[in-house]
């Protein structure tokens, strides 16, 4: 079975290597050392842990949504109209733009520079405040 370094596991889980290391130190995911002394995670253990994280919603409170494609990022632009609004999020190399109501932007308290998650389902983009 394939094993993964802490850095590889972090990349696959979408977290920093420091976060993956803290999880391993806390015993949340089992590790072992290779002959070079590097800490490794067995592929089966990593797969089970990734499913556990997804079910728990990661480190945040669980999110109840049917939109599975999440793009965490930063709000880079907001254009408010009388009724509608346009919100732009930069999520890594991805720029996502969502059209939503002005009321929704105000209720979420969205502002340029804050963290937010764009959730994509079919042709809709949903914005979640972190």
N, C-alpha and C. Protein backbone atom coordinates (compact mmCIF):
# COMPACT_ATOMS: atom_id res chain seq x y z
N UNK A 1 0.85 -1.17 0.00
CA UNK A 1 0.00 0.00 0.00
C UNK A 1 0.89 1.23 0.00
N UNK A 2 0.46 2.25 -0.72
CA UNK A 2 1.22 3.49 -0.78
C UNK A 2 1.15 4.24 0.54
N UNK A 3 2.25 4.88 0.90
CA UNK A 3 2.30 5.74 2.08
C UNK A 3 2.59 7.17 1.62
N UNK A 4 2.20 8.12 2.45
CA UNK A 4 2.34 9.53 2.12
C UNK A 4 3.11 10.26 3.21
N UNK A 5 3.97 11.20 2.80
CA UNK A 5 4.63 12.05 3.77
C UNK A 5 3.61 13.03 4.34
N UNK A 6 3.97 13.69 5.43
CA UNK A 6 3.08 14.68 6.03
C UNK A 6 2.75 15.77 5.00
N UNK A 7 3.74 16.22 4.24
CA UNK A 7 3.52 17.26 3.23
C UNK A 7 2.57 16.80 2.13
N UNK A 8 2.75 15.57 1.67
CA UNK A 8 1.85 15.04 0.63
C UNK A 8 0.43 14.91 1.18
N UNK A 9 0.31 14.42 2.41
CA UNK A 9 -1.01 14.27 3.02
C UNK A 9 -1.68 15.63 3.18
N UNK A 10 -0.91 16.63 3.61
CA UNK A 10 -1.46 17.98 3.77
C UNK A 10 -2.01 18.50 2.45
N UNK A 11 -1.25 18.31 1.37
CA UNK A 11 -1.70 18.77 0.05
C UNK A 11 -2.99 18.07 -0.36
N UNK A 12 -3.08 16.77 -0.13
CA UNK A 12 -4.28 16.01 -0.49
C UNK A 12 -5.48 16.41 0.36
N UNK A 13 -5.23 16.78 1.61
CA UNK A 13 -6.33 17.17 2.51
C UNK A 13 -6.68 18.65 2.40
N UNK A 14 -5.86 19.42 1.68
CA UNK A 14 -6.12 20.84 1.52
C UNK A 14 -5.82 21.67 2.75
N UNK A 15 -4.80 21.25 3.52
CA UNK A 15 -4.40 21.98 4.72
C UNK A 15 -2.89 22.23 4.67
N UNK A 16 -2.39 23.00 5.62
CA UNK A 16 -0.96 23.25 5.67
C UNK A 16 -0.24 22.04 6.26
N UNK A 17 1.04 21.87 5.96
CA UNK A 17 1.81 20.79 6.58
C UNK A 17 1.80 20.89 8.11
N UNK A 18 1.79 22.11 8.65
CA UNK A 18 1.74 22.27 10.11
C UNK A 18 0.45 21.70 10.69
N UNK A 19 -0.67 21.91 10.00
CA UNK A 19 -1.94 21.35 10.46
C UNK A 19 -1.90 19.83 10.42
N UNK A 20 -1.41 19.26 9.31
CA UNK A 20 -1.31 17.80 9.20
C UNK A 20 -0.39 17.25 10.29
N UNK A 21 0.70 17.95 10.58
CA UNK A 21 1.63 17.51 11.62
C UNK A 21 0.96 17.55 13.00
N UNK A 22 0.19 18.60 13.27
CA UNK A 22 -0.52 18.69 14.56
C UNK A 22 -1.54 17.56 14.69
N UNK A 23 -2.25 17.24 13.60
CA UNK A 23 -3.21 16.13 13.65
C UNK A 23 -2.50 14.82 13.94
N UNK A 24 -1.34 14.62 13.31
CA UNK A 24 -0.56 13.40 13.55
C UNK A 24 -0.05 13.37 14.99
N UNK A 25 0.46 14.51 15.48
CA UNK A 25 0.96 14.58 16.86
C UNK A 25 -0.14 14.29 17.87
N UNK A 26 -1.37 14.70 17.55
CA UNK A 26 -2.52 14.49 18.44
C UNK A 26 -3.10 13.09 18.31
N UNK A 27 -2.56 12.30 17.39
CA UNK A 27 -3.05 10.93 17.21
C UNK A 27 -4.32 10.82 16.39
N UNK A 28 -4.68 11.89 15.70
CA UNK A 28 -5.91 11.84 14.89
C UNK A 28 -5.72 10.97 13.64
N UNK A 29 -4.49 10.85 13.19
CA UNK A 29 -4.16 9.97 12.07
C UNK A 29 -2.84 9.28 12.42
N UNK A 30 -2.81 7.96 12.19
CA UNK A 30 -1.64 7.15 12.56
C UNK A 30 -0.49 7.39 11.58
N UNK A 31 0.72 7.43 12.13
CA UNK A 31 1.92 7.56 11.31
C UNK A 31 2.94 6.49 11.69
N UNK A 32 3.89 6.30 10.81
CA UNK A 32 5.04 5.44 11.09
C UNK A 32 6.25 6.07 10.42
N UNK A 33 7.43 5.62 10.78
CA UNK A 33 8.66 6.18 10.22
C UNK A 33 9.25 5.23 9.18
N UNK A 34 9.79 5.81 8.12
CA UNK A 34 10.49 4.99 7.13
C UNK A 34 11.96 4.86 7.53
N UNK A 35 12.74 4.18 6.72
CA UNK A 35 14.15 3.94 7.06
C UNK A 35 14.96 5.24 7.14
N UNK A 36 14.47 6.30 6.49
CA UNK A 36 15.15 7.60 6.55
C UNK A 36 14.67 8.44 7.73
N UNK A 37 13.70 7.92 8.48
CA UNK A 37 13.20 8.64 9.64
C UNK A 37 12.04 9.58 9.36
N UNK A 38 11.59 9.61 8.09
CA UNK A 38 10.44 10.47 7.76
C UNK A 38 9.15 9.85 8.27
N UNK A 39 8.25 10.72 8.73
CA UNK A 39 6.95 10.24 9.19
C UNK A 39 6.03 10.05 8.00
N UNK A 40 5.41 8.87 7.93
CA UNK A 40 4.54 8.53 6.81
C UNK A 40 3.16 8.12 7.32
N UNK A 41 2.18 8.30 6.45
CA UNK A 41 0.80 7.89 6.74
C UNK A 41 0.41 6.87 5.68
N UNK A 42 -0.06 5.70 6.10
CA UNK A 42 -0.51 4.69 5.15
C UNK A 42 -1.70 5.22 4.35
N UNK A 43 -1.75 4.86 3.08
CA UNK A 43 -2.81 5.33 2.20
C UNK A 43 -4.21 5.01 2.72
N UNK A 44 -4.40 3.83 3.26
CA UNK A 44 -5.71 3.46 3.80
C UNK A 44 -6.11 4.32 4.98
N UNK A 45 -5.14 4.60 5.86
CA UNK A 45 -5.41 5.46 7.01
C UNK A 45 -5.73 6.88 6.57
N UNK A 46 -4.99 7.37 5.57
CA UNK A 46 -5.23 8.72 5.06
C UNK A 46 -6.61 8.81 4.41
N UNK A 47 -6.99 7.79 3.65
CA UNK A 47 -8.31 7.78 3.02
C UNK A 47 -9.42 7.81 4.05
N UNK A 48 -9.29 7.00 5.09
CA UNK A 48 -10.30 6.96 6.15
C UNK A 48 -10.37 8.30 6.88
N UNK A 49 -9.20 8.91 7.15
CA UNK A 49 -9.17 10.19 7.83
C UNK A 49 -9.79 11.28 6.98
N UNK A 50 -9.55 11.24 5.66
CA UNK A 50 -10.12 12.27 4.79
C UNK A 50 -11.64 12.18 4.75
N UNK A 51 -12.17 10.96 4.79
CA UNK A 51 -13.63 10.79 4.85
C UNK A 51 -14.16 11.31 6.17
N UNK A 52 -13.46 11.03 7.26
CA UNK A 52 -13.85 11.52 8.59
C UNK A 52 -13.87 13.05 8.61
N UNK A 53 -12.85 13.68 8.04
CA UNK A 53 -12.79 15.14 7.98
C UNK A 53 -13.95 15.70 7.18
N UNK A 54 -14.24 15.09 6.04
CA UNK A 54 -15.33 15.58 5.20
C UNK A 54 -16.66 15.48 5.92
N UNK A 55 -16.88 14.39 6.63
CA UNK A 55 -18.14 14.22 7.37
C UNK A 55 -18.26 15.23 8.50
N UNK A 56 -17.13 15.56 9.12
CA UNK A 56 -17.14 16.50 10.25
C UNK A 56 -17.07 17.95 9.78
N UNK A 57 -16.87 18.17 8.49
CA UNK A 57 -16.76 19.53 8.00
C UNK A 57 -15.39 20.14 8.26
N UNK A 58 -14.36 19.31 8.38
CA UNK A 58 -13.02 19.82 8.65
C UNK A 58 -12.94 20.34 10.08
N UNK A 59 -12.19 21.39 10.28
CA UNK A 59 -12.02 21.98 11.61
C UNK A 59 -13.18 22.89 11.97
N UNK A 60 -13.96 23.30 10.99
CA UNK A 60 -15.08 24.19 11.23
C UNK A 60 -16.29 23.39 11.69
N UNK A 61 -17.34 24.10 12.13
CA UNK A 61 -18.59 23.43 12.45
C UNK A 61 -19.12 22.78 11.18
N UNK A 62 -19.85 21.67 11.32
CA UNK A 62 -20.36 21.01 10.12
C UNK A 62 -21.25 21.95 9.32
N UNK A 63 -21.11 21.87 8.02
CA UNK A 63 -21.91 22.66 7.10
C UNK A 63 -22.93 21.72 6.46
N UNK A 64 -24.16 22.14 6.43
CA UNK A 64 -25.20 21.31 5.85
C UNK A 64 -25.59 21.88 4.51
N UNK A 65 -25.08 21.28 3.46
CA UNK A 65 -25.33 21.75 2.11
C UNK A 65 -25.22 20.58 1.15
N UNK A 66 -25.93 20.68 0.04
CA UNK A 66 -25.82 19.64 -0.98
C UNK A 66 -24.77 20.02 -2.02
N UNK A 67 -24.23 21.23 -1.95
CA UNK A 67 -23.21 21.67 -2.90
C UNK A 67 -21.86 21.16 -2.43
N UNK A 68 -21.26 20.25 -3.18
CA UNK A 68 -20.05 19.57 -2.74
C UNK A 68 -18.75 20.21 -3.23
N UNK A 69 -18.81 20.99 -4.29
CA UNK A 69 -17.59 21.57 -4.85
C UNK A 69 -17.32 22.91 -4.18
N UNK A 70 -16.47 22.90 -3.15
CA UNK A 70 -16.20 24.09 -2.35
C UNK A 70 -14.86 24.70 -2.74
N UNK A 71 -14.84 26.01 -2.89
CA UNK A 71 -13.63 26.75 -3.23
C UNK A 71 -13.40 27.83 -2.16
N UNK A 72 -12.66 27.51 -1.09
CA UNK A 72 -12.37 28.53 -0.09
C UNK A 72 -11.41 29.56 -0.67
N UNK A 73 -11.67 30.82 -0.38
CA UNK A 73 -10.82 31.87 -0.92
C UNK A 73 -11.05 33.18 -0.22
N UNK A 74 -10.76 34.26 -0.92
CA UNK A 74 -10.89 35.60 -0.38
C UNK A 74 -11.75 36.44 -1.31
N UNK A 75 -12.63 37.24 -0.73
CA UNK A 75 -13.50 38.12 -1.52
C UNK A 75 -12.63 39.23 -2.09
N UNK A 76 -12.63 39.37 -3.43
CA UNK A 76 -11.80 40.37 -4.08
C UNK A 76 -12.60 41.54 -4.64
N UNK A 77 -13.91 41.36 -4.82
CA UNK A 77 -14.73 42.46 -5.34
C UNK A 77 -16.20 42.20 -5.01
N UNK A 78 -16.90 43.29 -4.73
CA UNK A 78 -18.35 43.24 -4.53
C UNK A 78 -18.95 44.43 -5.26
N UNK A 79 -19.91 44.15 -6.13
CA UNK A 79 -20.63 45.21 -6.84
C UNK A 79 -22.09 45.11 -6.40
N UNK A 80 -22.56 46.14 -5.71
CA UNK A 80 -23.93 46.15 -5.20
C UNK A 80 -24.83 46.98 -6.11
N UNK A 81 -25.97 46.39 -6.47
CA UNK A 81 -27.02 47.12 -7.17
C UNK A 81 -28.15 47.36 -6.20
N UNK A 82 -29.26 47.86 -6.70
CA UNK A 82 -30.42 48.09 -5.84
C UNK A 82 -30.97 46.78 -5.29
N UNK A 83 -31.01 45.75 -6.12
CA UNK A 83 -31.59 44.46 -5.74
C UNK A 83 -30.56 43.33 -5.82
N UNK A 84 -29.74 43.36 -6.85
CA UNK A 84 -28.78 42.28 -7.09
C UNK A 84 -27.37 42.72 -6.70
N UNK A 85 -26.49 41.72 -6.59
CA UNK A 85 -25.09 41.97 -6.28
C UNK A 85 -24.22 40.96 -7.01
N UNK A 86 -22.97 41.34 -7.24
CA UNK A 86 -21.99 40.46 -7.84
C UNK A 86 -20.83 40.35 -6.87
N UNK A 87 -20.47 39.10 -6.51
CA UNK A 87 -19.36 38.86 -5.57
C UNK A 87 -18.31 38.05 -6.30
N UNK A 88 -17.07 38.49 -6.20
CA UNK A 88 -15.94 37.82 -6.83
C UNK A 88 -15.04 37.25 -5.74
N UNK A 89 -14.67 35.98 -5.90
CA UNK A 89 -13.78 35.31 -4.95
C UNK A 89 -12.59 34.75 -5.71
N UNK A 90 -11.39 34.96 -5.16
CA UNK A 90 -10.19 34.34 -5.70
C UNK A 90 -9.86 33.16 -4.80
N UNK A 91 -9.95 31.95 -5.35
CA UNK A 91 -9.70 30.72 -4.61
C UNK A 91 -8.51 30.03 -5.25
N UNK A 92 -7.32 30.32 -4.74
CA UNK A 92 -6.11 29.81 -5.39
C UNK A 92 -6.04 30.38 -6.79
N UNK A 93 -5.87 29.53 -7.81
CA UNK A 93 -5.80 30.05 -9.17
C UNK A 93 -7.18 30.29 -9.79
N UNK A 94 -8.23 30.02 -9.04
CA UNK A 94 -9.59 30.11 -9.58
C UNK A 94 -10.27 31.41 -9.19
N UNK A 95 -10.83 32.11 -10.18
CA UNK A 95 -11.64 33.30 -9.94
C UNK A 95 -13.08 32.89 -10.14
N UNK A 96 -13.89 33.06 -9.10
CA UNK A 96 -15.30 32.71 -9.18
C UNK A 96 -16.15 33.95 -8.96
N UNK A 97 -17.19 34.08 -9.76
CA UNK A 97 -18.08 35.22 -9.65
C UNK A 97 -19.49 34.70 -9.45
N UNK A 98 -20.18 35.25 -8.46
CA UNK A 98 -21.55 34.82 -8.16
C UNK A 98 -22.48 36.03 -8.21
N UNK A 99 -23.64 35.83 -8.81
CA UNK A 99 -24.69 36.84 -8.79
C UNK A 99 -25.69 36.41 -7.73
N UNK A 100 -25.96 37.27 -6.78
CA UNK A 100 -26.89 36.96 -5.71
C UNK A 100 -27.62 38.24 -5.33
N UNK A 101 -28.53 38.16 -4.40
CA UNK A 101 -29.27 39.35 -4.00
C UNK A 101 -28.41 40.23 -3.11
N UNK A 102 -28.70 41.52 -3.15
CA UNK A 102 -28.02 42.47 -2.27
C UNK A 102 -28.29 42.09 -0.82
N UNK A 103 -29.51 41.66 -0.55
CA UNK A 103 -29.89 41.26 0.81
C UNK A 103 -29.00 40.13 1.32
N UNK A 104 -28.70 39.14 0.47
CA UNK A 104 -27.85 38.02 0.87
C UNK A 104 -26.44 38.50 1.21
N UNK A 105 -25.90 39.40 0.40
CA UNK A 105 -24.56 39.94 0.67
C UNK A 105 -24.56 40.66 2.01
N UNK A 106 -25.60 41.43 2.27
CA UNK A 106 -25.67 42.17 3.54
C UNK A 106 -25.86 41.23 4.72
N UNK A 107 -26.71 40.21 4.59
CA UNK A 107 -26.92 39.26 5.68
C UNK A 107 -25.65 38.48 6.01
N UNK A 108 -24.86 38.14 4.97
CA UNK A 108 -23.61 37.43 5.19
C UNK A 108 -22.51 38.36 5.70
N UNK A 109 -22.73 39.65 5.58
CA UNK A 109 -21.71 40.61 6.01
C UNK A 109 -20.47 40.55 5.15
N UNK A 110 -20.63 40.24 3.86
CA UNK A 110 -19.48 40.08 2.98
C UNK A 110 -18.80 41.42 2.74
N UNK A 111 -17.47 41.40 2.79
CA UNK A 111 -16.65 42.57 2.51
C UNK A 111 -15.40 42.13 1.76
N UNK A 112 -14.87 43.01 0.94
CA UNK A 112 -13.62 42.72 0.24
C UNK A 112 -12.53 42.46 1.28
N UNK A 113 -11.77 41.39 1.04
CA UNK A 113 -10.66 41.03 1.92
C UNK A 113 -10.99 39.96 2.94
N UNK A 114 -12.26 39.58 3.06
CA UNK A 114 -12.61 38.55 4.04
C UNK A 114 -12.62 37.17 3.38
N UNK A 115 -12.45 36.14 4.22
CA UNK A 115 -12.51 34.76 3.74
C UNK A 115 -13.95 34.38 3.45
N UNK A 116 -14.14 33.61 2.41
CA UNK A 116 -15.46 33.09 2.06
C UNK A 116 -15.24 31.84 1.22
N UNK A 117 -16.27 31.04 1.11
CA UNK A 117 -16.20 29.82 0.29
C UNK A 117 -17.26 29.89 -0.78
N UNK A 118 -16.85 29.69 -2.02
CA UNK A 118 -17.79 29.58 -3.13
C UNK A 118 -18.11 28.10 -3.29
N UNK A 119 -19.38 27.76 -3.27
CA UNK A 119 -19.81 26.38 -3.49
C UNK A 119 -20.53 26.32 -4.82
N UNK A 120 -20.10 25.36 -5.64
CA UNK A 120 -20.62 25.26 -6.99
C UNK A 120 -21.42 23.99 -7.14
N UNK A 121 -22.63 24.13 -7.62
CA UNK A 121 -23.48 22.98 -7.94
C UNK A 121 -24.16 23.31 -9.25
N UNK A 122 -23.89 22.48 -10.24
CA UNK A 122 -24.43 22.71 -11.57
C UNK A 122 -23.97 24.08 -12.06
N UNK A 123 -24.90 24.97 -12.34
CA UNK A 123 -24.53 26.29 -12.82
C UNK A 123 -24.67 27.37 -11.76
N UNK A 124 -24.89 26.97 -10.50
CA UNK A 124 -25.05 27.93 -9.42
C UNK A 124 -23.80 28.00 -8.57
N UNK A 125 -23.46 29.19 -8.12
CA UNK A 125 -22.36 29.38 -7.18
C UNK A 125 -22.95 29.92 -5.90
N UNK A 126 -22.72 29.22 -4.80
CA UNK A 126 -23.21 29.62 -3.49
C UNK A 126 -22.04 30.17 -2.68
N UNK A 127 -22.24 31.23 -1.93
CA UNK A 127 -21.19 31.83 -1.14
C UNK A 127 -21.46 31.55 0.33
N UNK A 128 -20.47 30.98 1.04
CA UNK A 128 -20.57 30.74 2.48
C UNK A 128 -19.54 31.60 3.18
N UNK A 129 -19.94 32.28 4.22
CA UNK A 129 -18.99 33.07 5.00
C UNK A 129 -18.30 32.14 6.01
N UNK A 130 -17.00 32.29 6.19
CA UNK A 130 -16.24 31.47 7.13
C UNK A 130 -16.27 32.08 8.49
